Protein backbone atom coordinates (compact mmCIF):
# COMPACT_ATOMS: atom_id res chain seq x y z
CA MET A 1 -30.34 -36.15 30.80
CA ALA A 2 -32.73 -39.29 29.44
CA GLU A 3 -30.39 -42.25 29.74
CA LEU A 4 -30.42 -45.24 27.07
CA HIS A 5 -33.11 -47.17 29.31
CA ASP A 6 -35.14 -44.37 29.81
CA LEU A 7 -36.24 -44.01 26.14
CA THR A 8 -38.43 -46.48 24.21
CA ALA A 9 -37.69 -49.24 21.43
CA LEU A 10 -38.68 -46.89 18.53
CA GLU A 11 -36.61 -44.08 19.71
CA GLN A 12 -33.87 -46.59 20.60
CA GLY A 13 -34.36 -47.46 16.96
CA GLU A 14 -34.07 -43.85 15.88
CA LEU A 15 -31.59 -43.43 17.03
CA VAL A 16 -29.39 -46.21 15.69
CA ARG A 17 -30.93 -45.11 11.93
CA ARG A 18 -29.24 -41.44 12.74
CA ARG A 19 -26.14 -43.28 13.95
CA GLU A 20 -26.68 -41.06 17.09
CA VAL A 21 -25.67 -44.41 19.49
CA SER A 22 -24.49 -47.63 17.95
CA PRO A 23 -26.29 -51.11 18.21
CA VAL A 24 -23.19 -52.46 20.78
CA GLU A 25 -23.63 -48.98 22.46
CA LEU A 26 -27.59 -50.41 22.97
CA ALA A 27 -26.37 -53.86 23.84
CA ARG A 28 -23.39 -53.37 26.51
CA HIS A 29 -25.82 -50.80 28.25
CA TYR A 30 -28.22 -53.54 28.65
CA LEU A 31 -26.32 -56.21 29.33
CA GLU A 32 -24.50 -54.02 31.92
CA ARG A 33 -27.69 -53.06 33.95
CA ALA A 34 -28.86 -56.66 33.62
CA HIS A 35 -26.16 -58.33 34.88
CA ARG A 36 -25.98 -55.18 38.28
CA ILE A 37 -29.50 -55.53 38.69
CA ASP A 38 -31.10 -59.26 38.08
CA ASP A 39 -27.58 -60.90 38.92
CA ASP A 40 -27.08 -59.15 42.48
CA PRO A 41 -29.94 -61.11 45.28
CA SER A 42 -30.74 -57.72 46.36
CA THR A 43 -31.89 -56.28 43.42
CA THR A 44 -33.02 -58.84 40.89
CA VAL A 45 -35.93 -59.82 39.46
CA GLY A 46 -35.46 -62.85 38.00
CA ALA A 47 -35.63 -62.09 34.43
CA PHE A 48 -33.41 -63.79 33.32
CA VAL A 49 -32.11 -67.39 33.46
CA THR A 50 -29.20 -66.96 30.88
CA LEU A 51 -27.26 -63.89 29.37
CA THR A 52 -25.15 -64.10 26.00
CA ASP A 53 -22.98 -61.36 26.48
CA ASP A 54 -20.49 -62.61 23.73
CA LEU A 55 -23.07 -64.09 21.29
CA SER A 56 -25.19 -60.55 21.63
CA LEU A 57 -22.10 -58.35 21.23
CA ALA A 58 -21.09 -60.15 18.52
CA ARG A 59 -24.40 -60.22 17.29
CA ALA A 60 -24.57 -56.45 17.47
CA GLY A 61 -20.95 -55.48 15.94
CA GLN A 62 -22.41 -57.13 12.76
CA LEU A 63 -24.88 -55.22 12.84
CA GLU A 64 -23.00 -52.00 13.01
CA THR A 65 -21.38 -53.43 9.38
CA LEU A 66 -24.60 -53.85 7.32
CA GLU A 67 -26.67 -50.66 5.89
CA ARG A 68 -28.63 -50.03 9.19
CA GLY A 69 -32.46 -49.68 9.88
CA ALA A 70 -33.38 -50.36 6.33
CA ASP A 71 -36.47 -52.08 7.32
CA SER A 72 -37.17 -52.67 10.70
CA PRO A 73 -37.85 -49.57 13.11
CA LEU A 74 -36.19 -51.84 15.81
CA TYR A 75 -33.26 -52.10 14.22
CA GLY A 76 -30.36 -52.51 16.42
CA VAL A 77 -31.99 -52.48 19.63
CA PRO A 78 -31.79 -55.57 22.34
CA THR A 79 -34.68 -57.56 23.38
CA ALA A 80 -34.73 -61.23 25.16
CA ILE A 81 -36.49 -64.83 23.76
CA LYS A 82 -39.01 -66.57 26.36
CA ASP A 83 -36.97 -69.95 27.00
CA LEU A 84 -39.51 -71.47 25.94
CA ASN A 85 -38.54 -70.48 22.29
CA LEU A 86 -35.96 -72.37 20.31
CA THR A 87 -32.47 -70.44 19.73
CA ALA A 88 -29.34 -72.09 18.13
CA GLY A 89 -26.54 -72.83 20.45
CA ILE A 90 -27.86 -71.44 23.20
CA ARG A 91 -29.48 -73.37 26.38
CA THR A 92 -32.95 -73.48 25.86
CA THR A 93 -34.70 -75.12 29.24
CA PHE A 94 -38.38 -74.57 28.82
CA GLY A 95 -38.46 -73.85 32.76
CA SER A 96 -37.52 -77.56 33.23
CA GLN A 97 -34.85 -79.39 35.10
CA ALA A 98 -35.90 -81.95 32.71
CA PHE A 99 -34.40 -80.21 30.33
CA ALA A 100 -31.46 -78.25 31.88
CA ASP A 101 -28.84 -79.09 29.48
CA PHE A 102 -30.07 -79.19 26.26
CA VAL A 103 -29.15 -76.92 23.64
CA PRO A 104 -30.75 -77.06 20.31
CA ASP A 105 -29.31 -76.72 17.03
CA VAL A 106 -32.12 -74.97 15.36
CA SER A 107 -34.06 -71.70 16.09
CA ASP A 108 -38.35 -70.81 15.82
CA GLY A 109 -39.72 -68.79 13.24
CA VAL A 110 -40.23 -66.38 16.66
CA THR A 111 -36.26 -66.51 17.18
CA LEU A 112 -35.54 -65.66 13.44
CA SER A 113 -37.64 -63.02 12.92
CA LEU A 114 -36.63 -61.26 15.86
CA GLU A 115 -33.00 -61.42 13.75
CA ALA A 116 -34.17 -60.55 10.36
CA ALA A 117 -35.21 -57.51 12.20
CA GLY A 118 -31.60 -56.64 12.93
CA MET A 119 -32.67 -57.13 16.76
CA VAL A 120 -29.83 -58.25 19.24
CA SER A 121 -31.34 -60.50 21.67
CA LEU A 122 -29.49 -60.92 25.25
CA GLY A 123 -29.62 -64.22 26.30
CA LYS A 124 -32.98 -66.08 27.40
CA THR A 125 -36.21 -64.87 30.08
CA ALA A 126 -37.68 -67.11 32.61
CA THR A 127 -40.61 -69.19 32.28
CA PRO A 128 -42.13 -71.89 35.04
CA GLU A 129 -41.85 -75.16 33.72
CA PHE A 130 -43.84 -75.57 30.15
CA GLY A 131 -45.09 -72.19 29.85
CA SER A 132 -47.84 -73.56 32.51
CA PRO A 133 -48.52 -72.19 35.15
CA CYS A 134 -49.30 -67.93 35.90
CA TYR A 135 -46.66 -67.61 37.77
CA THR A 136 -43.00 -67.69 37.19
CA GLU A 137 -41.69 -69.68 40.25
CA PRO A 138 -38.70 -72.30 38.03
CA GLU A 139 -37.11 -74.77 39.50
CA GLY A 140 -33.64 -73.74 41.29
CA ARG A 141 -33.75 -69.95 39.86
CA PRO A 142 -34.92 -66.43 41.31
CA PRO A 143 -38.48 -66.41 41.23
CA SER A 144 -39.82 -63.35 38.80
CA VAL A 145 -41.28 -60.69 40.68
CA THR A 146 -42.88 -57.09 39.71
CA PRO A 147 -40.22 -54.33 40.16
CA TRP A 148 -42.82 -52.13 41.86
CA ASP A 149 -43.01 -54.06 44.38
CA ARG A 150 -39.97 -57.22 44.68
CA SER A 151 -41.82 -59.82 47.27
CA ARG A 152 -45.10 -60.10 44.67
CA MET A 153 -45.05 -61.85 41.73
CA ALA A 154 -44.36 -60.73 38.21
CA GLY A 155 -47.05 -63.40 36.85
CA GLY A 156 -46.68 -65.54 34.14
CA SER A 157 -45.46 -67.63 31.86
CA SER A 158 -44.15 -64.66 30.22
CA GLY A 159 -42.92 -63.76 33.76
CA GLY A 160 -39.20 -63.03 33.27
CA ALA A 161 -39.99 -61.16 29.95
CA ALA A 162 -42.23 -58.86 31.72
CA ALA A 163 -39.97 -58.33 35.06
CA ALA A 164 -37.14 -57.57 31.93
CA VAL A 165 -39.41 -54.34 30.07
CA ALA A 166 -40.66 -52.91 33.67
CA ALA A 167 -37.28 -53.22 35.05
CA GLY A 168 -35.42 -51.75 32.01
CA LEU A 169 -33.06 -54.80 31.79
CA VAL A 170 -34.63 -54.81 27.76
CA PRO A 171 -37.16 -52.17 26.12
CA VAL A 172 -39.38 -54.74 24.41
CA ALA A 173 -39.82 -58.57 24.73
CA GLN A 174 -41.21 -61.66 23.39
CA GLY A 175 -43.51 -63.27 25.26
CA SER A 176 -46.31 -65.99 24.60
CA ASP A 177 -49.35 -66.51 25.30
CA GLY A 178 -51.87 -69.74 25.88
CA GLY A 179 -54.03 -68.78 28.71
CA GLY A 180 -52.96 -65.27 29.40
CA SER A 181 -49.51 -65.71 29.77
CA ILE A 182 -48.46 -62.35 28.08
CA ARG A 183 -50.94 -60.46 29.18
CA ILE A 184 -50.86 -61.77 33.10
CA PRO A 185 -47.55 -60.50 33.58
CA ALA A 186 -48.65 -57.44 31.83
CA SER A 187 -50.83 -56.24 34.24
CA CYS A 188 -48.89 -57.38 37.18
CA CYS A 189 -45.70 -55.05 36.25
CA GLY A 190 -47.38 -52.08 35.17
CA LEU A 191 -47.08 -53.43 31.30
CA PHE A 192 -48.48 -52.91 27.67
CA GLY A 193 -48.79 -56.61 26.39
CA LEU A 194 -50.27 -58.15 23.31
CA LYS A 195 -51.63 -61.76 22.30
CA PRO A 196 -52.16 -61.26 18.67
CA THR A 197 -54.91 -63.21 16.94
CA ARG A 198 -54.74 -66.98 16.33
CA GLY A 199 -52.68 -67.74 13.64
CA ARG A 200 -51.00 -64.19 13.16
CA ILE A 201 -47.65 -65.30 13.94
CA SER A 202 -46.07 -68.88 12.56
CA GLY A 203 -45.56 -71.47 15.06
CA ARG A 204 -43.01 -73.13 12.81
CA PRO A 205 -41.07 -75.65 13.02
CA MET A 206 -42.69 -76.88 15.75
CA TYR A 207 -46.94 -76.26 15.57
CA GLY A 208 -47.13 -77.90 18.91
CA ASP A 209 -50.34 -76.53 19.99
CA PRO A 210 -52.58 -78.17 17.51
CA VAL A 211 -55.47 -76.88 19.64
CA GLY A 212 -54.91 -73.18 18.66
CA LEU A 213 -54.68 -71.80 22.09
CA ALA A 214 -50.82 -70.18 22.23
CA THR A 215 -49.65 -67.91 20.14
CA ALA A 216 -46.34 -65.20 20.19
CA GLY A 217 -46.69 -61.70 20.94
CA SER A 218 -45.05 -58.72 22.17
CA ILE A 219 -44.60 -56.58 25.28
CA ALA A 220 -43.36 -53.45 25.89
CA ARG A 221 -43.67 -50.30 28.19
CA THR A 222 -45.80 -48.45 24.89
CA VAL A 223 -48.34 -49.21 23.02
CA ARG A 224 -45.95 -47.98 19.53
CA ASP A 225 -43.35 -50.27 20.47
CA ALA A 226 -45.56 -53.41 20.61
CA ALA A 227 -46.91 -53.00 17.54
CA ALA A 228 -43.36 -52.63 16.16
CA MET A 229 -42.53 -55.98 17.71
CA LEU A 230 -45.57 -57.64 16.56
CA ASP A 231 -44.84 -56.06 12.13
CA GLU A 232 -41.42 -57.95 13.05
CA LEU A 233 -43.48 -61.36 14.19
CA ALA A 234 -46.60 -61.64 12.09
CA GLY A 235 -46.83 -63.42 9.23
CA ARG A 236 -46.96 -66.92 7.88
CA ARG A 237 -44.16 -69.55 7.39
CA VAL A 238 -44.09 -71.93 4.38
CA GLY A 239 -45.54 -74.65 5.04
CA ASP A 240 -47.82 -72.89 8.29
CA PRO A 241 -51.06 -75.33 8.38
CA SER A 242 -53.32 -72.28 8.81
CA TRP A 243 -52.75 -68.30 8.97
CA ALA A 244 -54.46 -64.82 9.84
CA PRO A 245 -55.12 -62.69 6.88
CA PRO A 246 -52.09 -59.81 6.05
CA PRO A 247 -52.76 -56.51 7.12
CA LEU A 248 -54.03 -53.74 5.31
CA GLY A 249 -50.68 -51.65 6.57
CA THR A 250 -48.62 -52.01 9.58
CA PHE A 251 -49.52 -52.62 13.07
CA LEU A 252 -47.27 -49.13 13.85
CA ALA A 253 -49.44 -47.45 11.20
CA ALA A 254 -52.48 -48.71 12.68
CA CYS A 255 -51.50 -47.28 15.86
CA ASP A 256 -51.44 -43.11 14.08
CA ARG A 257 -54.69 -43.49 13.36
CA GLU A 258 -57.94 -42.73 15.16
CA PRO A 259 -60.35 -45.54 15.34
CA GLY A 260 -63.69 -43.34 15.21
CA HIS A 261 -66.47 -44.60 17.34
CA LEU A 262 -66.93 -47.55 18.99
CA LEU A 263 -69.62 -49.70 20.38
CA ILE A 264 -67.44 -51.94 23.11
CA ALA A 265 -69.04 -54.46 25.12
CA ARG A 266 -68.59 -54.63 28.75
CA PHE A 267 -68.57 -57.47 31.86
CA THR A 268 -66.72 -58.11 34.89
CA ASP A 269 -68.39 -61.35 36.32
CA PRO A 270 -65.47 -64.06 36.14
CA VAL A 271 -65.50 -66.67 33.21
CA ILE A 272 -63.82 -69.63 34.83
CA ALA A 273 -63.83 -69.20 38.21
CA ASP A 274 -66.62 -68.22 41.09
CA VAL A 275 -64.67 -65.76 42.67
CA PRO A 276 -64.80 -62.65 44.06
CA VAL A 277 -62.81 -59.64 42.01
CA ASP A 278 -60.63 -57.33 44.37
CA LYS A 279 -62.02 -53.66 44.20
CA ALA A 280 -59.10 -52.04 42.60
CA CYS A 281 -59.86 -54.01 39.59
CA LEU A 282 -63.33 -53.54 39.58
CA ASP A 283 -62.14 -49.89 40.05
CA ALA A 284 -59.74 -49.91 36.94
CA VAL A 285 -62.73 -50.76 34.19
CA VAL A 286 -64.82 -48.58 35.43
CA ASP A 287 -62.61 -45.54 35.28
CA ALA A 288 -61.38 -47.44 31.91
CA SER A 289 -64.97 -47.16 31.18
CA ARG A 290 -65.13 -43.53 32.02
CA LEU A 291 -62.02 -42.50 29.83
CA LEU A 292 -63.03 -44.17 26.61
CA GLU A 293 -66.76 -42.57 27.07
CA SER A 294 -65.03 -39.49 26.69
CA LEU A 295 -63.13 -40.11 24.09
CA GLY A 296 -66.44 -40.37 22.07
CA HIS A 297 -66.91 -44.83 22.55
CA GLU A 298 -69.43 -46.39 23.51
CA VAL A 299 -69.68 -49.02 26.16
CA VAL A 300 -72.57 -51.44 27.41
CA ASP A 301 -72.61 -54.07 29.42
CA ILE A 302 -73.32 -57.91 28.38
CA ALA A 303 -73.46 -60.91 30.02
CA VAL A 304 -70.95 -63.45 29.99
CA PRO A 305 -70.32 -64.64 26.15
CA LEU A 306 -68.77 -68.23 27.13
CA PRO A 307 -70.88 -70.45 29.47
CA PRO A 308 -69.46 -72.69 32.55
CA GLU A 309 -69.78 -75.95 30.94
CA ALA A 310 -66.62 -74.43 28.30
CA VAL A 311 -64.19 -74.29 32.12
CA PRO A 312 -64.13 -78.20 32.00
CA VAL A 313 -63.56 -78.45 27.92
CA PHE A 314 -60.49 -76.35 28.11
CA GLU A 315 -59.07 -77.87 31.32
CA THR A 316 -58.96 -81.39 29.18
CA ASN A 317 -57.54 -79.78 26.49
CA TRP A 318 -54.73 -77.44 28.24
CA SER A 319 -54.06 -80.88 30.60
CA VAL A 320 -53.26 -82.80 27.43
CA LEU A 321 -51.27 -80.48 25.58
CA THR A 322 -49.35 -80.12 28.92
CA ALA A 323 -49.11 -84.49 28.71
CA MET A 324 -47.69 -83.43 24.54
CA SER A 325 -44.48 -82.09 26.60
CA LEU A 326 -42.33 -85.29 25.83
CA VAL A 327 -39.77 -85.34 28.68
CA PRO A 328 -36.98 -88.95 28.41
CA PRO A 329 -38.46 -91.52 31.20
CA GLU A 330 -35.61 -91.38 33.09
CA GLN A 331 -36.17 -87.42 33.81
CA GLU A 332 -40.08 -87.59 34.41
CA HIS A 333 -38.99 -87.75 38.43
CA LEU A 334 -37.67 -83.79 38.22
CA LEU A 335 -40.96 -82.46 36.58
CA ARG A 336 -42.69 -80.06 38.92
CA PRO A 337 -46.04 -82.10 41.03
CA LEU A 338 -48.25 -79.27 39.16
CA THR A 339 -46.66 -80.63 35.65
CA ARG A 340 -46.74 -84.12 36.63
CA TRP A 341 -50.77 -83.74 37.89
CA LEU A 342 -51.38 -82.13 34.38
CA THR A 343 -49.77 -85.11 32.47
CA GLU A 344 -51.66 -87.68 34.33
CA ARG A 345 -55.04 -85.56 33.53
CA GLY A 346 -54.12 -85.30 30.05
CA ARG A 347 -52.73 -88.88 29.59
CA ALA A 348 -55.86 -89.85 30.96
CA VAL A 349 -57.64 -89.06 28.14
CA SER A 350 -57.52 -90.84 25.00
CA GLY A 351 -57.97 -89.62 21.75
CA PRO A 352 -61.58 -89.61 20.39
CA ASP A 353 -62.46 -87.90 24.20
CA PHE A 354 -59.22 -85.37 22.95
CA GLY A 355 -61.20 -84.87 19.49
CA LEU A 356 -64.13 -84.20 20.76
CA ALA A 357 -62.41 -81.67 23.85
CA ILE A 358 -61.64 -80.22 20.77
CA GLY A 359 -64.52 -79.56 18.76
CA ALA A 360 -66.56 -78.91 21.92
CA MET A 361 -64.44 -76.05 22.21
CA ARG A 362 -64.60 -74.93 19.11
CA ARG A 363 -68.35 -74.66 18.79
CA PHE A 364 -68.01 -72.50 22.61
CA ALA A 365 -65.53 -70.35 20.79
CA ALA A 366 -68.03 -70.50 18.08
CA GLY A 367 -70.75 -69.34 20.13
CA ALA A 368 -68.72 -66.67 22.20
CA LEU A 369 -67.93 -64.75 18.95
CA THR A 370 -71.19 -65.22 17.80
CA VAL A 371 -72.87 -63.08 20.27
CA LEU A 372 -69.72 -60.58 20.71
CA ALA A 373 -70.06 -59.83 17.13
CA PRO A 374 -71.40 -56.43 17.14
CA TYR A 375 -68.94 -54.69 19.19
CA ASP A 376 -65.52 -53.17 18.28
CA ALA A 377 -64.11 -54.17 21.06
CA VAL A 378 -64.36 -56.09 24.73
CA LEU A 379 -63.44 -54.64 28.46
CA THR A 380 -62.85 -56.96 31.39
CA PRO A 381 -60.49 -56.95 34.39
CA THR A 382 -57.06 -58.66 32.90
CA LEU A 383 -56.73 -60.41 37.03
CA ALA A 384 -59.46 -60.33 39.72
CA VAL A 385 -56.41 -58.73 42.04
CA PRO A 386 -53.37 -57.28 42.29
CA PRO A 387 -50.33 -59.01 42.01
CA MET A 388 -50.32 -61.60 44.53
CA ALA A 389 -47.39 -62.33 47.23
CA VAL A 390 -44.18 -64.48 46.02
CA GLY A 391 -45.45 -68.30 46.41
CA ALA A 392 -48.95 -67.05 47.18
CA ILE A 393 -50.50 -69.84 44.41
CA ARG A 394 -47.53 -72.74 44.25
CA ASP A 395 -48.91 -75.40 46.08
CA ASP A 396 -46.25 -78.49 45.54
CA ALA A 397 -48.55 -80.51 48.25
CA ASN A 398 -51.59 -79.96 46.46
CA PRO A 399 -51.22 -79.26 42.51
CA ALA A 400 -55.55 -79.78 42.25
CA GLY A 401 -55.73 -76.30 44.95
CA ASP A 402 -52.64 -74.78 42.81
CA PHE A 403 -54.50 -75.24 39.53
CA GLU A 404 -57.77 -73.85 40.71
CA ALA A 405 -55.93 -71.16 42.83
CA GLN A 406 -54.19 -70.17 39.22
CA LYS A 407 -58.21 -69.87 38.06
CA ARG A 408 -59.34 -68.24 40.53
CA PHE A 409 -56.30 -64.96 39.79
CA THR A 410 -57.13 -65.26 36.09
CA PRO A 411 -60.90 -65.90 35.74
CA TRP A 412 -60.37 -63.91 32.29
CA THR A 413 -57.52 -64.06 30.13
CA SER A 414 -58.25 -67.71 28.50
CA ALA A 415 -61.82 -66.63 27.04
CA TRP A 416 -59.72 -64.83 24.36
CA ASN A 417 -57.08 -68.03 23.65
CA VAL A 418 -60.37 -70.30 23.22
CA THR A 419 -61.83 -67.55 20.61
CA GLY A 420 -58.59 -66.84 19.29
CA MET A 421 -59.43 -63.06 19.68
CA PRO A 422 -56.78 -60.65 19.95
CA ALA A 423 -56.48 -59.20 23.32
CA ALA A 424 -54.38 -56.48 25.30
CA SER A 425 -53.77 -56.05 28.92
CA LEU A 426 -53.30 -51.96 29.40
CA PRO A 427 -52.34 -50.53 32.86
CA LEU A 428 -54.56 -48.06 33.09
CA GLY A 429 -55.31 -49.41 37.15
CA TRP A 430 -53.31 -48.30 40.52
CA THR A 431 -53.79 -49.44 44.20
CA GLU A 432 -53.30 -46.69 46.81
CA ASP A 433 -50.10 -48.24 47.79
CA GLY A 434 -48.51 -48.24 44.35
CA LEU A 435 -49.58 -51.54 42.30
CA PRO A 436 -49.68 -51.91 39.16
CA VAL A 437 -53.98 -53.05 37.75
CA GLY A 438 -54.37 -53.74 34.27
CA VAL A 439 -57.87 -54.18 31.99
CA MET A 440 -58.08 -55.95 29.32
CA LEU A 441 -59.41 -54.89 25.28
CA ALA A 442 -60.23 -57.33 22.78
CA ALA A 443 -61.48 -57.26 19.53
CA ARG A 444 -62.89 -59.78 16.54
CA PRO A 445 -60.39 -62.18 15.20
CA ALA A 446 -57.67 -60.57 13.05
CA GLU A 447 -58.86 -57.22 13.99
CA GLU A 448 -55.41 -56.51 16.05
CA GLU A 449 -55.35 -52.86 14.26
CA LEU A 450 -58.27 -51.83 15.49
CA LEU A 451 -57.75 -53.00 18.92
CA LEU A 452 -54.08 -51.02 18.45
CA SER A 453 -55.88 -48.19 17.42
CA LEU A 454 -57.80 -47.94 20.25
CA CYS A 455 -55.14 -48.85 22.65
CA ALA A 456 -53.01 -46.02 21.55
CA GLN A 457 -55.80 -43.02 21.23
CA VAL A 458 -56.13 -44.48 25.27
CA GLU A 459 -52.29 -44.14 26.28
CA ALA A 460 -52.35 -41.09 24.52
CA ALA A 461 -55.16 -40.00 27.18
CA ALA A 462 -54.25 -41.84 29.75
CA PRO A 463 -49.76 -41.56 29.53
CA TRP A 464 -48.48 -44.37 31.60
CA HIS A 465 -44.75 -45.35 30.40
CA GLU A 466 -43.53 -42.16 32.18
CA ARG A 467 -43.72 -44.21 35.60
CA ARG A 468 -40.81 -45.94 37.25
CA PRO A 469 -40.83 -48.46 39.27
CA PRO A 470 -38.34 -48.23 42.28
CA GLY A 471 -34.63 -48.97 41.53
CA TRP A 472 -35.02 -47.66 37.91
């Protein structure tokens, strides 16, 4: 007999709606698993930095007294909030020792949206300092690892969220993505990870990314679960400086529509680093291409749509964004070497030079969008190699080398943050020794409905969510 965590998030929501299981039962089930698995050094996946047992159970109990499931198919379903997102009254450290005791008095738009949907957050998931690195190894905490091999990284910066979903500690989780931070851990953990289009999800109240690279998104075992969470997260809030046009229907409904015949561009040459690509990652793209063609789509090879000159421009913007993570001067000694190095690099950029870098990046994005306009989707690898060993990238003695190693690991993902296109990592590949390998599909701006329709079609043809990692 299936246990509760074997079910998809939508299946759990349906049980709540039919009153066959209660929000409290679900919360208790997942909290027990989180403590049993993540608190034990021999089994931990480094998913949570904070578990909020009492608050979560109280929240679940309140939901039982309300009319269930009137609006959201995820009503009563457990989830978790990334430790970069403000949660009123709950410690939010941003992955940094400099904010080890910070408790915000407001929640951000992402947290409020999930609460409005009737979801129950179990706590805060691990992230690296300020969400900058592509690995999740927060100071003083266990690293986030893939449950497929606990000696290997879960990726970052939404590594804790992905580890939690992959290990069955929550059925679906929110992440954020400024350079691949949803899709990287989704690939490492054998999950579906969706970065929505720019402006789809509100950045209220902080609006901390004036460049437009970062957005919240969803990490799940199925496309439909991720789409259902996007339905809850999406939408403009009063005061938003910009926003994506609303979908024609719901993103969940888009998963049940046939995408039709699509023209899909493909490239496998790395974008931001000259690096050899592991055969397993290339094979996954070849296999995905064959699958797409068998579904009636046309796959054509194209050149990389962003020039090498875009890379230093992106790095300038990334460095300034890191420097904008304001830390009290007396706490700066607590920052990681990588953060200090990026901050110094960002502080060295003048205001006019930052403005010129933003303009240049937007022109590079416009050029790429023009090249890609004839295509309905774009196919690339997600990562250059399968999940790496914990510590393989982190280099506190040489943060510049650390940064270069990150680029070599993730030479495609940030391209779609530059263009603002929606993009997803799909767990279609596997190494001979059982490690997950993602492939990435992207679509035109604001075309998540088409992207989700395509991804759901691929999932139906090559299902993956029944795979279970060791210790499930």
